[in-house]
Protein backbone atom coordinates (compact mmCIF):
# COMPACT_ATOMS: atom_id res chain seq x y z
CA MET A 1 -0.21 0.00 -0.37
CA ARG A 2 1.11 3.59 -0.94
CA PRO A 3 1.97 6.13 1.95
CA ILE A 4 -0.71 8.58 0.04
CA GLU A 5 -3.30 6.24 -0.22
CA ARG A 6 -2.70 4.98 3.64
CA TRP A 7 -2.51 8.81 5.41
CA GLY A 8 -4.50 10.81 2.61
CA PRO A 9 -7.85 10.43 4.46
CA ALA A 10 -6.29 11.77 7.65
CA LEU A 11 -4.50 14.72 6.12
CA VAL A 12 -7.87 15.66 4.66
CA VAL A 13 -9.35 15.55 8.20
CA VAL A 14 -6.13 16.96 10.29
CA SER A 15 -6.22 20.00 7.66
CA LEU A 16 -10.16 20.33 8.20
CA LEU A 17 -9.83 20.58 11.62
CA ALA A 18 -7.02 23.02 11.62
CA ALA A 19 -8.65 24.94 9.22
CA THR A 20 -11.66 25.02 11.48
CA ALA A 21 -9.79 25.49 14.40
CA THR A 22 -8.45 28.76 12.72
CA SER A 23 -11.15 30.33 11.49
CA PHE A 24 -12.73 29.98 15.19
CA VAL A 25 -9.94 32.09 16.74
CA VAL A 26 -10.42 34.59 13.62
CA ALA A 27 -13.91 35.08 14.72
CA GLN A 28 -13.58 35.09 18.02
CA ARG A 29 -10.72 37.63 17.78
CA LYS A 30 -12.99 40.00 15.84
CA LYS A 31 -16.10 39.41 18.23
CA LEU A 32 -13.86 41.29 20.82
CA GLU A 33 -12.52 44.10 18.73
CA PRO A 34 -13.95 47.25 19.48
CA SER A 35 -16.03 49.41 17.48
CA PRO A 36 -13.94 51.75 15.39
CA ILE A 37 -16.74 54.36 16.09
CA ALA A 38 -17.56 55.52 19.63
CA ASN A 39 -19.46 58.10 21.76
CA THR A 40 -22.68 57.96 19.06
CA ARG A 41 -25.12 60.71 19.37
CA ILE A 42 -28.14 60.80 17.12
CA ASP A 43 -31.07 62.64 17.56
CA PRO A 44 -34.45 60.68 17.35
CA VAL A 45 -36.75 62.98 15.62
CA LEU A 46 -37.09 65.11 12.68
CA SER A 47 -39.56 67.45 11.07
CA PRO A 48 -37.75 69.93 8.70
CA VAL A 49 -41.19 71.77 7.77
CA CYS A 50 -41.41 72.74 11.58
CA ARG A 51 -39.93 76.27 12.77
CA CYS A 52 -38.69 74.06 15.79
CA SER A 53 -35.64 72.62 17.04
CA ARG A 54 -36.18 69.40 15.60
CA ARG A 55 -35.81 71.13 12.02
CA ARG A 56 -32.35 69.68 11.79
CA VAL A 57 -31.08 66.05 13.01
CA GLY A 58 -27.54 65.81 14.99
CA ILE A 59 -25.48 63.01 14.17
CA GLU A 60 -22.52 62.66 15.89
CA PHE A 61 -19.61 59.89 16.50
CA GLU A 62 -15.88 59.95 17.19
CA LEU A 63 -13.31 57.47 15.51
CA ARG A 64 -10.65 55.40 17.39
CA ARG A 65 -8.33 55.49 14.62
CA PRO A 66 -8.13 57.82 11.94
CA ASP A 67 -9.53 56.99 8.47
CA THR A 68 -11.37 58.52 5.35
CA VAL A 69 -15.45 58.61 6.08
CA THR A 70 -18.45 58.93 3.96
CA VAL A 71 -21.27 59.28 6.16
CA GLU A 72 -25.17 58.43 3.92
CA ILE A 73 -28.53 58.80 5.36
CA VAL A 74 -30.33 55.94 3.86
CA ARG A 75 -34.27 54.39 4.20
CA ALA A 76 -34.79 51.87 7.11
CA GLY A 77 -36.70 49.11 4.60
CA ASP A 78 -33.95 48.83 1.84
CA ASP A 79 -31.04 51.07 2.62
CA ALA A 80 -31.53 53.19 -0.28
CA VAL A 81 -29.39 56.34 -0.47
CA VAL A 82 -31.25 59.56 0.49
CA ARG A 83 -28.76 62.03 1.20
CA THR A 84 -24.58 62.22 1.40
CA LEU A 85 -23.60 63.66 4.08
CA LEU A 86 -19.85 63.61 4.06
CA ARG A 87 -18.22 62.30 0.94
CA ARG A 88 -14.57 60.52 1.25
CA ARG A 89 -12.79 63.10 3.65
CA HIS A 90 -10.26 62.20 5.56
CA ARG A 91 -10.93 62.55 9.65
CA GLY A 92 -8.82 62.20 12.69
CA THR A 93 -9.85 60.73 16.17
CA ALA A 94 -11.58 64.23 16.72
CA GLY A 95 -15.85 64.26 17.13
CA ILE A 96 -17.47 64.48 13.61
CA HIS A 97 -20.53 66.40 14.00
CA LEU A 98 -22.87 66.38 11.08
CA SER A 99 -26.76 67.20 10.24
CA TRP A 100 -29.20 66.64 8.00
CA ASP A 101 -31.94 68.48 7.22
CA GLY A 102 -34.70 66.22 6.02
CA ARG A 103 -33.69 66.70 2.35
CA GLY A 104 -32.46 64.49 -0.58
CA GLU A 105 -29.59 64.98 -3.09
CA ARG A 106 -32.22 67.23 -5.13
CA GLY A 107 -33.21 69.56 -2.27
CA ARG A 108 -36.45 68.34 -1.78
CA VAL A 109 -37.85 66.59 1.36
CA VAL A 110 -37.47 63.08 1.45
CA ALA A 111 -40.70 60.84 2.14
CA GLU A 112 -42.00 60.66 6.06
CA GLY A 113 -40.75 57.36 7.38
CA THR A 114 -37.54 56.06 9.24
CA TYR A 115 -34.17 56.54 7.99
CA ARG A 116 -30.63 55.50 9.66
CA ALA A 117 -27.33 57.17 9.42
CA ARG A 118 -24.55 54.35 7.58
CA VAL A 119 -20.64 55.26 7.72
CA ALA A 120 -18.38 53.72 5.54
CA LEU A 121 -14.46 53.52 6.81
CA GLU A 122 -12.38 53.09 3.52
CA HIS A 123 -8.79 51.92 5.41
CA ARG A 124 -10.76 49.67 7.69
CA ARG A 125 -13.09 48.34 4.96
CA ARG A 126 -15.89 48.21 7.14
CA THR A 127 -19.27 49.88 6.47
CA ILE A 128 -21.30 50.39 9.66
CA LEU A 129 -25.75 51.14 9.77
CA PHE A 130 -26.46 52.80 12.97
CA PRO A 131 -29.09 51.13 15.00
CA ASN A 132 -30.37 54.42 15.66
CA PRO A 133 -33.32 55.24 14.06
CA ILE A 134 -34.25 58.92 12.53
CA GLU A 135 -37.96 59.30 12.55
CA LEU A 136 -38.81 61.97 9.54
CA ASP A 137 -42.22 63.28 10.38
CA VAL A 138 -43.90 65.73 7.29
CA THR A 139 -47.44 66.12 9.14
CA PRO A 140 -48.09 69.14 10.10
CA PRO A 141 -49.72 69.52 14.10
CA ARG A 142 -53.56 69.86 14.13
CA ILE A 143 -55.11 71.52 16.68
CA ALA A 144 -58.42 70.14 18.35
CA LEU A 145 -60.64 71.56 21.34
CA GLU A 146 -60.97 68.78 23.50
CA ARG A 147 -63.89 70.77 25.05
CA PRO A 148 -65.64 74.70 24.50
CA LEU A 149 -63.97 77.68 25.90
CA ALA A 150 -65.27 79.20 28.97
CA ARG A 151 -67.57 82.20 28.99
CA ARG A 152 -65.40 85.30 30.22
CA LEU A 153 -67.42 87.20 32.38
CA ARG A 154 -66.87 90.93 32.79
CA VAL A 155 -66.74 92.81 35.76
CA GLY A 156 -70.10 93.36 37.70
CA GLU A 157 -71.71 90.40 35.46
CA GLY A 158 -72.87 86.90 37.36
């Protein structure tokens, strides 16, 4: 019997076990690696049609290491890009402060719904979709009276 016939199947099994163990170690190391982004703050509600503090939404975060960054606003349902806030800009570890006014690339207010910020880090070859939803509300408030106004009494009446 030739050595390859005798030891071939054993070598295949040992090779598969070694590859499995190696990929397990690499996967565990990736899980323990801290996120490249820290100190995230995203305002949860945006109403571009009101004259209030929620006319723009703030998006803030820090990078753990300098990188070339792209920040986009995407629709929550299908991840379609509605606006690019920052395109391929090199940023250091200082905080990144951006805002979105609820408008798309053409300057029109986008449809009411849920949106998210997505960050692409070029050097790390990673794209991170923030879990924080941004609710865009374009419905103007409606005022309804629950009860009639009280009758005003003048001095000397009643």
